[in-house]
């Protein structure tokens, strides 16, 4: 009898089946679209030319690649997803009916190198959290089997469009694709009536013009350049065209080692310091908080040792 109890004990059954994954990791590179539906709202992530975007109000906005990759990592990671039920009668109680569950649908190709047409790779339903709040109930659509797993997936399911936005003015800096070492010259035009500040790289040093510094601190200059590359807005703004003349108030020009040039154009700040920013060659308009905008402009004293 004891031997039989080991075979049929539900806790041991859960332990035996804990090493589980929802999606074969080999398919991760072929994922090209993810749809998340929750509480009547839908967020859709799409991959185009190896870049992730999120669809909102009929437009594609840059998405945080690292955040999307982390989400895919959760779906493809082999982890503890113990079996909790195989009965359809449990779905209502666990929040896993079609009407109550959130849905994650992943599309892609099963042979990404061949560029096959889009096909569904995973259709996952997410229900209620368990009593501890540390796990959430999950099941594949069309299957009765219920498993539980780490509730950290909830933040991705419940995240708004803003949660997924890559709001960096220079999006490539998100994953370390651009850093201070890639900038050969930085020119800062504070406004039309001020002399520009010019930082020119010479090997690992900087030469300066437009500001007088007795003893420049190279580390502080590098940190300043890096802060510009990493500057983020707090939202996109669809009410203003990126070519509007209001962006002629000030600008920052980054000349990179590969010969490309990135120009950030800014509007005049309002009474709180908030302003709008546009980047040449980009259709998006970013809203910048007062503190984020203020960090873009420095005085000579900020670079003294």
C-alpha atoms as a PDB file:
ATOM      1  CA  UNK A   1       0.000   0.000   0.000  1.00  0.00           C
ATOM      2  CA  UNK A   2       2.847   2.389   0.798  1.00  0.00           C
ATOM      3  CA  UNK A   3       4.354   1.840  -2.627  1.00  0.00           C
ATOM      4  CA  UNK A   4       1.002   2.653  -4.225  1.00  0.00           C
ATOM      5  CA  UNK A   5       0.682   5.833  -2.174  1.00  0.00           C
ATOM      6  CA  UNK A   6       4.023   7.047  -3.531  1.00  0.00           C
ATOM      7  CA  UNK A   7       2.815   6.526  -7.077  1.00  0.00           C
ATOM      8  CA  UNK A   8      -0.497   8.338  -6.677  1.00  0.00           C
ATOM      9  CA  UNK A   9       0.340  10.989  -4.089  1.00  0.00           C
ATOM     10  CA  UNK A  10      -0.447  14.357  -5.792  1.00  0.00           C
ATOM     11  CA  UNK A  11       2.417  16.202  -4.108  1.00  0.00           C
ATOM     12  CA  UNK A  12       4.960  13.691  -5.403  1.00  0.00           C
ATOM     13  CA  UNK A  13       3.316  13.779  -8.816  1.00  0.00           C
ATOM     14  CA  UNK A  14       3.819  17.542  -8.878  1.00  0.00           C
ATOM     15  CA  UNK A  15       7.467  17.166  -7.911  1.00  0.00           C
ATOM     16  CA  UNK A  16       8.074  14.562 -10.620  1.00  0.00           C
ATOM     17  CA  UNK A  17       6.671  16.857 -13.301  1.00  0.00           C
ATOM     18  CA  UNK A  18       8.287  20.056 -12.019  1.00  0.00           C
ATOM     19  CA  UNK A  19      10.974  20.220 -14.741  1.00  0.00           C
ATOM     20  CA  UNK A  20       8.757  21.648 -17.450  1.00  0.00           C
ATOM     21  CA  UNK A  21       8.779  24.318 -20.121  1.00  0.00           C
ATOM     22  CA  UNK A  22       5.900  25.930 -22.002  1.00  0.00           C
ATOM     23  CA  UNK A  23       7.862  26.566 -25.175  1.00  0.00           C
ATOM     24  CA  UNK A  24      10.881  24.809 -26.652  1.00  0.00           C
ATOM     25  CA  UNK A  25      13.912  27.128 -26.171  1.00  0.00           C
ATOM     26  CA  UNK A  26      15.005  26.260 -29.717  1.00  0.00           C
ATOM     27  CA  UNK A  27      12.005  28.222 -31.005  1.00  0.00           C
ATOM     28  CA  UNK A  28      12.858  31.441 -29.135  1.00  0.00           C
ATOM     29  CA  UNK A  29      14.824  32.917 -32.030  1.00  0.00           C
ATOM     30  CA  UNK A  30      11.899  32.407 -34.384  1.00  0.00           C
ATOM     31  CA  UNK A  31       9.330  34.311 -32.314  1.00  0.00           C
ATOM     32  CA  UNK A  32       7.986  37.263 -34.316  1.00  0.00           C
ATOM     33  CA  UNK A  33       4.761  38.221 -32.529  1.00  0.00           C
ATOM     34  CA  UNK A  34       3.341  38.038 -28.999  1.00  0.00           C
ATOM     35  CA  UNK A  35      -0.227  38.916 -28.103  1.00  0.00           C
ATOM     36  CA  UNK A  36      -1.253  39.455 -24.473  1.00  0.00           C
ATOM     37  CA  UNK A  37      -4.954  39.769 -23.654  1.00  0.00           C
ATOM     38  CA  UNK A  38      -6.004  40.660 -20.124  1.00  0.00           C
ATOM     39  CA  UNK A  39      -9.191  42.208 -18.670  1.00  0.00           C
ATOM     40  CA  UNK A  40     -10.451  43.156 -22.123  1.00  0.00           C
ATOM     41  CA  UNK A  41      -7.208  44.909 -23.107  1.00  0.00           C
ATOM     42  CA  UNK A  42      -4.761  43.587 -25.709  1.00  0.00           C
ATOM     43  CA  UNK A  43      -1.077  44.380 -26.152  1.00  0.00           C
ATOM     44  CA  UNK A  44       0.696  43.128 -29.258  1.00  0.00           C
ATOM     45  CA  UNK A  45       4.460  42.925 -29.669  1.00  0.00           C
ATOM     46  CA  UNK A  46       5.910  42.430 -33.146  1.00  0.00           C
ATOM     47  CA  UNK A  47       9.449  41.830 -34.355  1.00  0.00           C
ATOM     48  CA  UNK A  48      10.521  43.630 -37.517  1.00  0.00           C
ATOM     49  CA  UNK A  49      14.054  43.641 -38.927  1.00  0.00           C
ATOM     50  CA  UNK A  50      15.302  42.116 -35.643  1.00  0.00           C
ATOM     51  CA  UNK A  51      13.773  44.933 -33.580  1.00  0.00           C
ATOM     52  CA  UNK A  52      10.796  44.679 -31.246  1.00  0.00           C
ATOM     53  CA  UNK A  53       7.855  47.091 -31.426  1.00  0.00           C
ATOM     54  CA  UNK A  54       4.559  47.377 -29.597  1.00  0.00           C
ATOM     55  CA  UNK A  55       1.397  48.301 -31.470  1.00  0.00           C
ATOM     56  CA  UNK A  56      -0.663  51.123 -29.999  1.00  0.00           C
ATOM     57  CA  UNK A  57      -3.249  53.442 -31.566  1.00  0.00           C
ATOM     58  CA  UNK A  58      -2.412  52.107 -35.004  1.00  0.00           C
ATOM     59  CA  UNK A  59       1.328  52.817 -34.731  1.00  0.00           C
ATOM     60  CA  UNK A  60       4.443  50.767 -33.998  1.00  0.00           C
ATOM     61  CA  UNK A  61       6.477  52.052 -31.047  1.00  0.00           C
ATOM     62  CA  UNK A  62       9.935  50.785 -30.056  1.00  0.00           C
ATOM     63  CA  UNK A  63       9.734  48.125 -27.363  1.00  0.00           C
ATOM     64  CA  UNK A  64      12.326  47.311 -24.717  1.00  0.00           C
ATOM     65  CA  UNK A  65      14.198  44.417 -26.314  1.00  0.00           C
ATOM     66  CA  UNK A  66      15.592  43.221 -22.981  1.00  0.00           C
ATOM     67  CA  UNK A  67      12.123  43.193 -21.416  1.00  0.00           C
ATOM     68  CA  UNK A  68      10.697  41.189 -24.335  1.00  0.00           C
ATOM     69  CA  UNK A  69      13.628  38.784 -24.151  1.00  0.00           C
ATOM     70  CA  UNK A  70      13.110  38.339 -20.398  1.00  0.00           C
ATOM     71  CA  UNK A  71       9.445  37.512 -21.021  1.00  0.00           C
ATOM     72  CA  UNK A  72      10.370  34.994 -23.710  1.00  0.00           C
ATOM     73  CA  UNK A  73      12.911  33.593 -21.258  1.00  0.00           C
ATOM     74  CA  UNK A  74      10.159  32.865 -18.735  1.00  0.00           C
ATOM     75  CA  UNK A  75       8.124  31.014 -21.364  1.00  0.00           C
ATOM     76  CA  UNK A  76      11.092  28.956 -22.598  1.00  0.00           C
ATOM     77  CA  UNK A  77      12.875  28.301 -19.295  1.00  0.00           C
ATOM     78  CA  UNK A  78      12.697  24.793 -17.877  1.00  0.00           C
ATOM     79  CA  UNK A  79      11.504  25.343 -14.326  1.00  0.00           C
ATOM     80  CA  UNK A  80       9.185  24.158 -11.562  1.00  0.00           C
ATOM     81  CA  UNK A  81       5.689  23.966 -13.049  1.00  0.00           C
ATOM     82  CA  UNK A  82       4.155  21.155 -10.977  1.00  0.00           C
ATOM     83  CA  UNK A  83       0.957  19.543 -12.164  1.00  0.00           C
ATOM     84  CA  UNK A  84      -1.987  20.733 -10.025  1.00  0.00           C
ATOM     85  CA  UNK A  85      -5.017  19.291 -11.792  1.00  0.00           C
ATOM     86  CA  UNK A  86      -6.100  17.394 -14.877  1.00  0.00           C
ATOM     87  CA  UNK A  87      -9.819  18.002 -14.398  1.00  0.00           C
ATOM     88  CA  UNK A  88     -11.772  20.634 -16.349  1.00  0.00           C
ATOM     89  CA  UNK A  89     -13.918  21.129 -13.249  1.00  0.00           C
ATOM     90  CA  UNK A  90     -10.967  22.953 -11.615  1.00  0.00           C
ATOM     91  CA  UNK A  91     -10.699  25.632 -14.310  1.00  0.00           C
ATOM     92  CA  UNK A  92     -13.429  27.870 -12.898  1.00  0.00           C
ATOM     93  CA  UNK A  93     -12.001  27.742  -9.383  1.00  0.00           C
ATOM     94  CA  UNK A  94      -8.473  28.511 -10.598  1.00  0.00           C
ATOM     95  CA  UNK A  95      -9.458  31.348 -12.953  1.00  0.00           C
ATOM     96  CA  UNK A  96      -8.606  29.371 -16.066  1.00  0.00           C
ATOM     97  CA  UNK A  97     -11.835  29.520 -18.058  1.00  0.00           C
ATOM     98  CA  UNK A  98     -11.879  31.312 -21.400  1.00  0.00           C
ATOM     99  CA  UNK A  99     -13.868  34.157 -19.819  1.00  0.00           C
ATOM    100  CA  UNK A 100     -11.676  34.744 -16.758  1.00  0.00           C
ATOM    101  CA  UNK A 101      -8.108  33.906 -17.785  1.00  0.00           C
ATOM    102  CA  UNK A 102      -5.534  36.182 -19.342  1.00  0.00           C
ATOM    103  CA  UNK A 103      -4.122  34.833 -22.602  1.00  0.00           C
ATOM    104  CA  UNK A 104      -0.594  34.796 -24.011  1.00  0.00           C
ATOM    105  CA  UNK A 105      -0.318  33.798 -27.666  1.00  0.00           C
ATOM    106  CA  UNK A 106       3.104  33.444 -29.232  1.00  0.00           C
ATOM    107  CA  UNK A 107       3.619  33.304 -32.991  1.00  0.00           C
ATOM    108  CA  UNK A 108       6.709  32.523 -34.978  1.00  0.00           C
ATOM    109  CA  UNK A 109       8.379  29.883 -37.082  1.00  0.00           C
ATOM    110  CA  UNK A 110       9.609  26.474 -36.022  1.00  0.00           C
ATOM    111  CA  UNK A 111      12.633  26.813 -38.332  1.00  0.00           C
ATOM    112  CA  UNK A 112      13.591  30.509 -38.046  1.00  0.00           C
ATOM    113  CA  UNK A 113      16.600  30.230 -40.365  1.00  0.00           C
ATOM    114  CA  UNK A 114      14.294  29.284 -43.250  1.00  0.00           C
ATOM    115  CA  UNK A 115      11.904  32.184 -42.665  1.00  0.00           C
ATOM    116  CA  UNK A 116       8.736  30.110 -42.735  1.00  0.00           C
ATOM    117  CA  UNK A 117       5.331  31.743 -42.582  1.00  0.00           C
ATOM    118  CA  UNK A 118       3.961  32.764 -39.193  1.00  0.00           C
ATOM    119  CA  UNK A 119       2.337  30.033 -37.102  1.00  0.00           C
ATOM    120  CA  UNK A 120       1.129  29.759 -33.489  1.00  0.00           C
ATOM    121  CA  UNK A 121       3.803  28.356 -31.182  1.00  0.00           C
ATOM    122  CA  UNK A 122       2.053  28.718 -27.808  1.00  0.00           C
ATOM    123  CA  UNK A 123      -1.431  29.584 -26.582  1.00  0.00           C
ATOM    124  CA  UNK A 124      -1.268  29.898 -22.810  1.00  0.00           C
ATOM    125  CA  UNK A 125      -3.967  30.845 -20.298  1.00  0.00           C
ATOM    126  CA  UNK A 126      -3.035  32.450 -16.970  1.00  0.00           C
ATOM    127  CA  UNK A 127      -5.436  32.290 -14.022  1.00  0.00           C
ATOM    128  CA  UNK A 128      -5.435  33.221 -10.348  1.00  0.00           C
ATOM    129  CA  UNK A 129      -2.522  33.331  -7.944  1.00  0.00           C
ATOM    130  CA  UNK A 130      -2.333  30.583  -5.325  1.00  0.00           C
ATOM    131  CA  UNK A 131      -2.863  31.239  -1.604  1.00  0.00           C
ATOM    132  CA  UNK A 132       0.779  32.225  -1.082  1.00  0.00           C
ATOM    133  CA  UNK A 133       0.812  34.780  -3.907  1.00  0.00           C
ATOM    134  CA  UNK A 134       4.080  33.283  -5.106  1.00  0.00           C
ATOM    135  CA  UNK A 135       2.625  31.122  -7.874  1.00  0.00           C
ATOM    136  CA  UNK A 136       0.015  31.455 -10.604  1.00  0.00           C
ATOM    137  CA  UNK A 137      -2.100  28.778 -12.284  1.00  0.00           C
ATOM    138  CA  UNK A 138      -1.492  28.155 -15.976  1.00  0.00           C
ATOM    139  CA  UNK A 139      -2.799  25.878 -18.709  1.00  0.00           C
ATOM    140  CA  UNK A 140      -2.530  25.538 -22.440  1.00  0.00           C
ATOM    141  CA  UNK A 141      -5.675  26.555 -24.285  1.00  0.00           C
ATOM    142  CA  UNK A 142      -7.573  23.460 -25.367  1.00  0.00           C
ATOM    143  CA  UNK A 143      -5.989  21.255 -22.694  1.00  0.00           C
ATOM    144  CA  UNK A 144      -7.309  20.349 -19.243  1.00  0.00           C
ATOM    145  CA  UNK A 145      -3.953  20.020 -17.487  1.00  0.00           C
ATOM    146  CA  UNK A 146      -3.277  22.787 -14.940  1.00  0.00           C
ATOM    147  CA  UNK A 147       0.193  23.668 -13.657  1.00  0.00           C
ATOM    148  CA  UNK A 148       1.461  26.382 -11.340  1.00  0.00           C
ATOM    149  CA  UNK A 149       4.573  28.501 -11.614  1.00  0.00           C
ATOM    150  CA  UNK A 150       6.395  31.622 -10.506  1.00  0.00           C
ATOM    151  CA  UNK A 151       3.975  34.560 -10.290  1.00  0.00           C
ATOM    152  CA  UNK A 152       6.599  36.993 -11.661  1.00  0.00           C
ATOM    153  CA  UNK A 153       4.967  36.460 -15.061  1.00  0.00           C
ATOM    154  CA  UNK A 154       2.042  38.583 -13.804  1.00  0.00           C
ATOM    155  CA  UNK A 155       3.982  41.835 -14.239  1.00  0.00           C
ATOM    156  CA  UNK A 156       4.370  41.081 -17.967  1.00  0.00           C
ATOM    157  CA  UNK A 157       0.725  40.090 -18.357  1.00  0.00           C
ATOM    158  CA  UNK A 158      -0.599  43.158 -16.538  1.00  0.00           C
ATOM    159  CA  UNK A 159       1.927  45.635 -17.964  1.00  0.00           C
ATOM    160  CA  UNK A 160       0.419  48.543 -19.895  1.00  0.00           C
ATOM    161  CA  UNK A 161       1.736  49.711 -23.262  1.00  0.00           C
ATOM    162  CA  UNK A 162       4.045  52.092 -21.395  1.00  0.00           C
ATOM    163  CA  UNK A 163       5.533  49.100 -19.557  1.00  0.00           C
ATOM    164  CA  UNK A 164       6.846  47.789 -22.894  1.00  0.00           C
ATOM    165  CA  UNK A 165       7.949  51.093 -24.462  1.00  0.00           C
ATOM    166  CA  UNK A 166      11.618  51.698 -25.140  1.00  0.00           C
ATOM    167  CA  UNK A 167      11.612  55.421 -24.376  1.00  0.00           C
ATOM    168  CA  UNK A 168      15.327  56.001 -24.821  1.00  0.00           C
ATOM    169  CA  UNK A 169      15.977  58.820 -27.270  1.00  0.00           C
ATOM    170  CA  UNK A 170      18.785  56.650 -28.680  1.00  0.00           C
ATOM    171  CA  UNK A 171      17.132  53.185 -28.540  1.00  0.00           C
ATOM    172  CA  UNK A 172      20.303  51.261 -29.431  1.00  0.00           C
ATOM    173  CA  UNK A 173      21.862  52.180 -26.093  1.00  0.00           C
ATOM    174  CA  UNK A 174      19.406  49.904 -24.264  1.00  0.00           C
ATOM    175  CA  UNK A 175      21.425  46.725 -24.665  1.00  0.00           C
ATOM    176  CA  UNK A 176      24.877  48.315 -24.635  1.00  0.00           C
ATOM    177  CA  UNK A 177      24.971  48.701 -28.392  1.00  0.00           C
ATOM    178  CA  UNK A 178      26.146  52.293 -27.951  1.00  0.00           C
ATOM    179  CA  UNK A 179      28.314  53.698 -25.172  1.00  0.00           C
ATOM    180  CA  UNK A 180      30.408  56.788 -24.507  1.00  0.00           C
ATOM    181  CA  UNK A 181      33.384  55.237 -26.351  1.00  0.00           C
ATOM    182  CA  UNK A 182      31.334  55.249 -29.566  1.00  0.00           C
ATOM    183  CA  UNK A 183      30.924  59.040 -29.509  1.00  0.00           C
ATOM    184  CA  UNK A 184      33.646  60.984 -31.326  1.00  0.00           C
ATOM    185  CA  UNK A 185      32.173  64.456 -30.942  1.00  0.00           C
ATOM    186  CA  UNK A 186      29.339  65.884 -28.887  1.00  0.00           C
ATOM    187  CA  UNK A 187      27.984  69.365 -29.605  1.00  0.00           C
ATOM    188  CA  UNK A 188      25.449  70.909 -27.248  1.00  0.00           C
ATOM    189  CA  UNK A 189      23.429  73.953 -28.346  1.00  0.00           C
ATOM    190  CA  UNK A 190      21.697  75.186 -25.207  1.00  0.00           C
ATOM    191  CA  UNK A 191      19.550  77.707 -27.078  1.00  0.00           C
ATOM    192  CA  UNK A 192      19.818  79.971 -30.115  1.00  0.00           C
ATOM    193  CA  UNK A 193      21.646  82.744 -28.247  1.00  0.00           C
ATOM    194  CA  UNK A 194      24.257  80.647 -26.421  1.00  0.00           C
ATOM    195  CA  UNK A 195      27.653  79.464 -27.575  1.00  0.00           C
ATOM    196  CA  UNK A 196      27.716  75.721 -28.278  1.00  0.00           C
ATOM    197  CA  UNK A 197      29.706  73.377 -26.074  1.00  0.00           C
ATOM    198  CA  UNK A 198      31.876  70.993 -28.086  1.00  0.00           C
ATOM    199  CA  UNK A 199      33.446  67.808 -26.693  1.00  0.00           C
ATOM    200  CA  UNK A 200      35.835  66.150 -29.179  1.00  0.00           C
ATOM    201  CA  UNK A 201      37.452  62.784 -28.494  1.00  0.00           C
ATOM    202  CA  UNK A 202      41.162  62.356 -29.048  1.00  0.00           C
ATOM    203  CA  UNK A 203      42.091  58.732 -28.363  1.00  0.00           C
ATOM    204  CA  UNK A 204      40.830  58.291 -24.788  1.00  0.00           C
ATOM    205  CA  UNK A 205      40.907  61.994 -23.931  1.00  0.00           C
ATOM    206  CA  UNK A 206      38.494  64.858 -24.632  1.00  0.00           C
ATOM    207  CA  UNK A 207      39.281  68.304 -26.035  1.00  0.00           C
ATOM    208  CA  UNK A 208      36.764  71.025 -25.206  1.00  0.00           C
ATOM    209  CA  UNK A 209      35.573  74.287 -26.688  1.00  0.00           C
ATOM    210  CA  UNK A 210      32.793  76.666 -25.771  1.00  0.00           C
ATOM    211  CA  UNK A 211      33.425  76.296 -22.044  1.00  0.00           C
ATOM    212  CA  UNK A 212      36.410  77.047 -19.847  1.00  0.00           C
ATOM    213  CA  UNK A 213      37.568  74.291 -17.513  1.00  0.00           C
ATOM    214  CA  UNK A 214      40.843  74.584 -15.627  1.00  0.00           C
ATOM    215  CA  UNK A 215      41.152  70.904 -14.781  1.00  0.00           C
ATOM    216  CA  UNK A 216      38.645  68.764 -16.743  1.00  0.00           C
ATOM    217  CA  UNK A 217      37.604  65.413 -15.318  1.00  0.00           C
ATOM    218  CA  UNK A 218      37.504  62.868 -18.144  1.00  0.00           C
ATOM    219  CA  UNK A 219      35.435  60.454 -16.060  1.00  0.00           C
ATOM    220  CA  UNK A 220      32.747  63.110 -15.541  1.00  0.00           C
ATOM    221  CA  UNK A 221      32.678  63.896 -19.263  1.00  0.00           C
ATOM    222  CA  UNK A 222      32.311  60.211 -20.126  1.00  0.00           C
ATOM    223  CA  UNK A 223      29.488  59.929 -17.603  1.00  0.00           C
ATOM    224  CA  UNK A 224      27.772  62.968 -19.148  1.00  0.00           C
ATOM    225  CA  UNK A 225      28.014  61.525 -22.673  1.00  0.00           C
ATOM    226  CA  UNK A 226      26.673  58.219 -21.382  1.00  0.00           C
ATOM    227  CA  UNK A 227      23.772  59.954 -19.645  1.00  0.00           C
ATOM    228  CA  UNK A 228      22.746  61.558 -22.957  1.00  0.00           C
ATOM    229  CA  UNK A 229      22.824  58.195 -24.719  1.00  0.00           C
ATOM    230  CA  UNK A 230      20.693  56.708 -21.941  1.00  0.00           C
ATOM    231  CA  UNK A 231      18.185  59.567 -21.627  1.00  0.00           C
ATOM    232  CA  UNK A 232      14.577  58.338 -21.552  1.00  0.00           C
ATOM    233  CA  UNK A 233      11.281  60.068 -22.040  1.00  0.00           C
ATOM    234  CA  UNK A 234       8.325  59.229 -19.840  1.00  0.00           C
ATOM    235  CA  UNK A 235       5.922  58.739 -22.756  1.00  0.00           C
ATOM    236  CA  UNK A 236       5.422  59.191 -26.497  1.00  0.00           C
ATOM    237  CA  UNK A 237       3.303  62.116 -27.658  1.00  0.00           C
ATOM    238  CA  UNK A 238       1.140  61.796 -30.762  1.00  0.00           C
ATOM    239  CA  UNK A 239      -0.203  65.352 -30.705  1.00  0.00           C
ATOM    240  CA  UNK A 240       2.965  66.949 -32.140  1.00  0.00           C
ATOM    241  CA  UNK A 241       4.719  66.297 -35.440  1.00  0.00           C
ATOM    242  CA  UNK A 242       8.415  65.490 -35.114  1.00  0.00           C
ATOM    243  CA  UNK A 243       9.195  68.138 -37.766  1.00  0.00           C
ATOM    244  CA  UNK A 244       7.425  70.938 -35.872  1.00  0.00           C
ATOM    245  CA  UNK A 245       9.405  74.185 -35.568  1.00  0.00           C
ATOM    246  CA  UNK A 246       9.072  74.098 -31.771  1.00  0.00           C
ATOM    247  CA  UNK A 247      11.984  71.649 -31.785  1.00  0.00           C
ATOM    248  CA  UNK A 248      14.345  74.407 -32.946  1.00  0.00           C
ATOM    249  CA  UNK A 249      14.835  75.750 -29.422  1.00  0.00           C
ATOM    250  CA  UNK A 250      17.912  73.652 -28.565  1.00  0.00           C
ATOM    251  CA  UNK A 251      19.691  70.586 -29.843  1.00  0.00           C
ATOM    252  CA  UNK A 252      22.372  68.012 -29.078  1.00  0.00           C
ATOM    253  CA  UNK A 253      24.449  66.468 -31.859  1.00  0.00           C
ATOM    254  CA  UNK A 254      26.227  63.135 -31.383  1.00  0.00           C
ATOM    255  CA  UNK A 255      28.792  62.156 -34.022  1.00  0.00           C
ATOM    256  CA  UNK A 256      29.602  58.457 -33.774  1.00  0.00           C
ATOM    257  CA  UNK A 257      32.670  56.477 -34.724  1.00  0.00           C
ATOM    258  CA  UNK A 258      30.831  54.691 -37.537  1.00  0.00           C
ATOM    259  CA  UNK A 259      30.231  58.029 -39.268  1.00  0.00           C
ATOM    260  CA  UNK A 260      26.567  58.339 -38.336  1.00  0.00           C
ATOM    261  CA  UNK A 261      25.113  61.420 -36.645  1.00  0.00           C
ATOM    262  CA  UNK A 262      22.264  61.538 -34.117  1.00  0.00           C
ATOM    263  CA  UNK A 263      20.637  64.907 -33.486  1.00  0.00           C
ATOM    264  CA  UNK A 264      18.282  65.370 -30.534  1.00  0.00           C
ATOM    265  CA  UNK A 265      16.082  68.454 -30.971  1.00  0.00           C
ATOM    266  CA  UNK A 266      14.212  69.910 -28.005  1.00  0.00           C
ATOM    267  CA  UNK A 267      11.341  72.294 -27.393  1.00  0.00           C
ATOM    268  CA  UNK A 268      11.453  75.147 -24.910  1.00  0.00           C
ATOM    269  CA  UNK A 269      10.743  73.852 -21.390  1.00  0.00           C
ATOM    270  CA  UNK A 270       7.486  74.790 -19.707  1.00  0.00           C
ATOM    271  CA  UNK A 271       7.267  76.251 -16.186  1.00  0.00           C
ATOM    272  CA  UNK A 272       7.961  72.808 -14.665  1.00  0.00           C
ATOM    273  CA  UNK A 273      10.956  72.136 -16.904  1.00  0.00           C
ATOM    274  CA  UNK A 274       9.082  69.548 -18.978  1.00  0.00           C
ATOM    275  CA  UNK A 275       9.752  69.596 -22.712  1.00  0.00           C
ATOM    276  CA  UNK A 276       9.367  67.516 -25.866  1.00  0.00           C
ATOM    277  CA  UNK A 277      12.172  65.876 -27.829  1.00  0.00           C
ATOM    278  CA  UNK A 278      12.537  64.558 -31.371  1.00  0.00           C
ATOM    279  CA  UNK A 279      15.452  62.735 -32.950  1.00  0.00           C
ATOM    280  CA  UNK A 280      16.372  63.318 -36.590  1.00  0.00           C
ATOM    281  CA  UNK A 281      15.377  60.376 -38.768  1.00  0.00           C
ATOM    282  CA  UNK A 282      12.823  59.195 -36.204  1.00  0.00           C
ATOM    283  CA  UNK A 283       9.068  59.774 -36.400  1.00  0.00           C
ATOM    284  CA  UNK A 284       8.463  59.676 -32.647  1.00  0.00           C
ATOM    285  CA  UNK A 285       8.044  62.589 -30.254  1.00  0.00           C
ATOM    286  CA  UNK A 286       9.086  62.003 -26.658  1.00  0.00           C
ATOM    287  CA  UNK A 287       7.845  63.747 -23.534  1.00  0.00           C
ATOM    288  CA  UNK A 288      10.704  64.528 -21.131  1.00  0.00           C
ATOM    289  CA  UNK A 289      10.283  65.255 -17.438  1.00  0.00           C
ATOM    290  CA  UNK A 290      11.921  68.375 -16.061  1.00  0.00           C
ATOM    291  CA  UNK A 291      14.708  66.498 -14.285  1.00  0.00           C
ATOM    292  CA  UNK A 292      15.497  64.390 -17.378  1.00  0.00           C
ATOM    293  CA  UNK A 293      15.678  67.488 -19.600  1.00  0.00           C
ATOM    294  CA  UNK A 294      17.820  69.367 -17.082  1.00  0.00           C
ATOM    295  CA  UNK A 295      20.428  66.579 -17.054  1.00  0.00           C
ATOM    296  CA  UNK A 296      21.065  67.139 -20.776  1.00  0.00           C
ATOM    297  CA  UNK A 297      22.643  70.545 -20.183  1.00  0.00           C
ATOM    298  CA  UNK A 298      25.606  71.158 -17.890  1.00  0.00           C
ATOM    299  CA  UNK A 299      27.895  74.012 -16.884  1.00  0.00           C
ATOM    300  CA  UNK A 300      31.684  74.075 -16.899  1.00  0.00           C
ATOM    301  CA  UNK A 301      31.736  73.525 -13.134  1.00  0.00           C
ATOM    302  CA  UNK A 302      30.100  70.113 -13.629  1.00  0.00           C
ATOM    303  CA  UNK A 303      33.250  68.844 -15.366  1.00  0.00           C
ATOM    304  CA  UNK A 304      35.930  70.174 -13.019  1.00  0.00           C
ATOM    305  CA  UNK A 305      37.924  67.661 -11.012  1.00  0.00           C
END
